[in-house]
Structures are given as structure tokens and as C-alpha cells.
Amino acid sequence: MMNPPAVSVIIPFFNAEKFGGRLKIYDNVKNSKAAVTRNKDLQISRGEYVFFFDADDLA
């Protein structure tokens, strides 16, 4: 049995290049703005900890 991930990272973006690999992409049908997207993604995240990272944030 696989353990759930320890961390979920939520990066809302619109009209941005898609990434592959271990990332899961959830598309909005329309541009729902960041707050709506974050709330939706919080419901589907599986990590024990959740980190929000916006397109204009520096890591």
C-alpha cells in the first residue's frame, strides 16, 4: 500500500506551459481566479501539508 504524499504544492496558473512527470495538472474550464482554484485544489490535495506557490513567487 502506497502512503499519501507528505506535501501537496498548489500552483494556480492560467495560460501557462504545462509540466509533466510527478505533477498532476487539474484544468479549470475557465479562468476561475486564484481563490476559487485554491479552494478547489485544497479539496483534492492529498498531502499532510499544503504549500501555495504562485506564479510570481520566488523559490
N, C-alpha and C. Protein backbone atom coordinates (compact mmCIF):
# COMPACT_ATOMS: atom_id res chain seq x y z
N MET A 1 0.84 -1.18 0.00
CA MET A 1 0.00 0.00 0.00
C MET A 1 0.88 1.24 0.00
N MET A 2 0.55 2.19 -0.86
CA MET A 2 1.35 3.39 -1.01
C MET A 2 0.88 4.46 -0.02
N ASN A 3 1.82 5.12 0.65
CA ASN A 3 1.49 6.20 1.58
C ASN A 3 1.13 7.45 0.82
N PRO A 4 0.22 8.27 1.34
CA PRO A 4 -0.08 9.54 0.68
C PRO A 4 1.14 10.45 0.76
N PRO A 5 1.25 11.40 -0.16
CA PRO A 5 2.40 12.30 -0.13
C PRO A 5 2.40 13.15 1.14
N ALA A 6 3.58 13.52 1.59
CA ALA A 6 3.69 14.34 2.79
C ALA A 6 3.31 15.78 2.50
N VAL A 7 3.58 16.24 1.27
CA VAL A 7 3.35 17.64 0.93
C VAL A 7 2.61 17.73 -0.39
N SER A 8 1.61 18.61 -0.46
CA SER A 8 0.97 18.97 -1.72
C SER A 8 1.33 20.42 -2.01
N VAL A 9 1.79 20.70 -3.21
CA VAL A 9 2.13 22.06 -3.62
C VAL A 9 1.09 22.49 -4.65
N ILE A 10 0.41 23.59 -4.40
CA ILE A 10 -0.63 24.08 -5.28
C ILE A 10 -0.13 25.34 -5.96
N ILE A 11 -0.08 25.30 -7.29
CA ILE A 11 0.39 26.43 -8.09
C ILE A 11 -0.70 26.80 -9.08
N PRO A 12 -1.56 27.77 -8.75
CA PRO A 12 -2.57 28.16 -9.73
C PRO A 12 -1.93 28.94 -10.87
N PHE A 13 -2.29 28.61 -12.10
CA PHE A 13 -1.81 29.36 -13.25
C PHE A 13 -2.85 29.31 -14.34
N PHE A 14 -2.79 30.27 -15.24
CA PHE A 14 -3.70 30.35 -16.37
C PHE A 14 -2.90 30.70 -17.60
N ASN A 15 -3.15 29.98 -18.68
CA ASN A 15 -2.42 30.19 -19.94
C ASN A 15 -0.91 30.05 -19.75
N ALA A 16 -0.50 29.09 -18.98
CA ALA A 16 0.92 28.85 -18.76
C ALA A 16 1.29 27.48 -19.33
N GLU A 17 2.55 27.27 -19.56
CA GLU A 17 3.04 26.00 -20.10
C GLU A 17 2.80 24.87 -19.10
N LYS A 18 2.38 23.71 -19.60
CA LYS A 18 2.11 22.56 -18.72
C LYS A 18 3.40 21.80 -18.43
N PHE A 19 3.42 21.19 -17.28
CA PHE A 19 4.57 20.41 -16.83
C PHE A 19 4.16 18.96 -16.69
N GLY A 20 5.12 18.04 -16.77
CA GLY A 20 4.81 16.62 -16.68
C GLY A 20 5.49 15.98 -15.51
N GLY A 21 5.72 14.69 -15.61
CA GLY A 21 6.39 13.95 -14.55
C GLY A 21 5.48 13.64 -13.39
N ARG A 22 5.93 13.96 -12.20
CA ARG A 22 5.17 13.61 -10.98
C ARG A 22 4.08 14.62 -10.66
N LEU A 23 3.97 15.66 -11.45
CA LEU A 23 2.94 16.67 -11.19
C LEU A 23 1.61 16.24 -11.77
N LYS A 24 0.54 16.59 -11.09
CA LYS A 24 -0.80 16.35 -11.61
C LYS A 24 -1.39 17.70 -11.99
N ILE A 25 -1.90 17.77 -13.19
CA ILE A 25 -2.47 19.01 -13.69
C ILE A 25 -3.99 18.89 -13.65
N TYR A 26 -4.65 19.83 -13.00
CA TYR A 26 -6.11 19.90 -12.96
C TYR A 26 -6.51 21.18 -13.67
N ASP A 27 -7.19 21.04 -14.78
CA ASP A 27 -7.58 22.20 -15.57
C ASP A 27 -8.92 22.76 -15.12
N ASN A 28 -9.01 24.08 -15.08
CA ASN A 28 -10.29 24.75 -14.93
C ASN A 28 -10.87 24.95 -16.32
N VAL A 29 -12.17 24.85 -16.43
CA VAL A 29 -12.82 25.07 -17.72
C VAL A 29 -12.64 26.52 -18.16
N LYS A 30 -12.66 27.44 -17.20
CA LYS A 30 -12.43 28.86 -17.49
C LYS A 30 -11.50 29.42 -16.43
N ASN A 31 -11.05 30.64 -16.63
CA ASN A 31 -10.19 31.30 -15.65
C ASN A 31 -11.03 31.62 -14.42
N SER A 32 -10.85 30.84 -13.36
CA SER A 32 -11.67 30.98 -12.16
C SER A 32 -11.02 31.86 -11.10
N LYS A 33 -9.90 32.44 -11.40
CA LYS A 33 -9.15 33.27 -10.46
C LYS A 33 -8.51 32.39 -9.38
N ALA A 34 -7.50 32.93 -8.71
CA ALA A 34 -6.68 32.14 -7.80
C ALA A 34 -7.44 31.61 -6.59
N ALA A 35 -8.33 32.41 -5.99
CA ALA A 35 -9.01 31.98 -4.77
C ALA A 35 -9.91 30.77 -5.02
N VAL A 36 -10.67 30.79 -6.10
CA VAL A 36 -11.55 29.67 -6.43
C VAL A 36 -10.72 28.43 -6.73
N THR A 37 -9.64 28.61 -7.48
CA THR A 37 -8.77 27.49 -7.82
C THR A 37 -8.12 26.89 -6.58
N ARG A 38 -7.66 27.74 -5.66
CA ARG A 38 -7.05 27.24 -4.42
C ARG A 38 -8.04 26.42 -3.60
N ASN A 39 -9.26 26.91 -3.46
CA ASN A 39 -10.26 26.18 -2.69
C ASN A 39 -10.56 24.84 -3.32
N LYS A 40 -10.68 24.79 -4.63
CA LYS A 40 -10.92 23.53 -5.34
C LYS A 40 -9.75 22.56 -5.13
N ASP A 41 -8.54 23.09 -5.26
CA ASP A 41 -7.35 22.25 -5.12
C ASP A 41 -7.13 21.77 -3.69
N LEU A 42 -7.53 22.56 -2.70
CA LEU A 42 -7.44 22.11 -1.31
C LEU A 42 -8.31 20.86 -1.10
N GLN A 43 -9.44 20.81 -1.76
CA GLN A 43 -10.34 19.66 -1.63
C GLN A 43 -9.74 18.40 -2.23
N ILE A 44 -8.92 18.52 -3.28
CA ILE A 44 -8.38 17.33 -3.94
C ILE A 44 -6.93 17.03 -3.55
N SER A 45 -6.29 17.92 -2.76
CA SER A 45 -4.91 17.65 -2.33
C SER A 45 -4.88 16.47 -1.39
N ARG A 46 -3.76 15.75 -1.40
CA ARG A 46 -3.63 14.56 -0.57
C ARG A 46 -2.51 14.65 0.45
N GLY A 47 -1.71 15.68 0.41
CA GLY A 47 -0.58 15.80 1.31
C GLY A 47 -0.98 16.16 2.73
N GLU A 48 -0.15 15.76 3.66
CA GLU A 48 -0.39 16.13 5.05
C GLU A 48 -0.23 17.64 5.23
N TYR A 49 0.70 18.22 4.48
CA TYR A 49 0.95 19.66 4.49
C TYR A 49 0.65 20.19 3.10
N VAL A 50 0.14 21.42 3.03
CA VAL A 50 -0.18 22.05 1.75
C VAL A 50 0.60 23.35 1.66
N PHE A 51 1.23 23.56 0.51
CA PHE A 51 2.01 24.77 0.26
C PHE A 51 1.46 25.45 -0.98
N PHE A 52 1.15 26.73 -0.89
CA PHE A 52 0.69 27.51 -2.04
C PHE A 52 1.89 28.23 -2.64
N PHE A 53 2.04 28.11 -3.93
CA PHE A 53 3.14 28.76 -4.65
C PHE A 53 2.53 29.43 -5.86
N ASP A 54 2.59 30.76 -5.92
CA ASP A 54 2.01 31.50 -7.03
C ASP A 54 3.05 31.72 -8.12
N ALA A 55 2.57 32.04 -9.31
CA ALA A 55 3.45 32.21 -10.46
C ALA A 55 4.48 33.33 -10.25
N ASP A 56 4.14 34.31 -9.42
CA ASP A 56 5.08 35.43 -9.20
C ASP A 56 5.94 35.24 -7.94
N ASP A 57 5.87 34.10 -7.29
CA ASP A 57 6.71 33.82 -6.12
C ASP A 57 8.08 33.31 -6.55
N LEU A 58 9.09 33.59 -5.74
CA LEU A 58 10.44 33.10 -5.98
C LEU A 58 10.74 31.97 -5.01
N ALA A 59 11.38 30.93 -5.52
CA ALA A 59 11.74 29.80 -4.65
C ALA A 59 13.22 29.80 -4.38
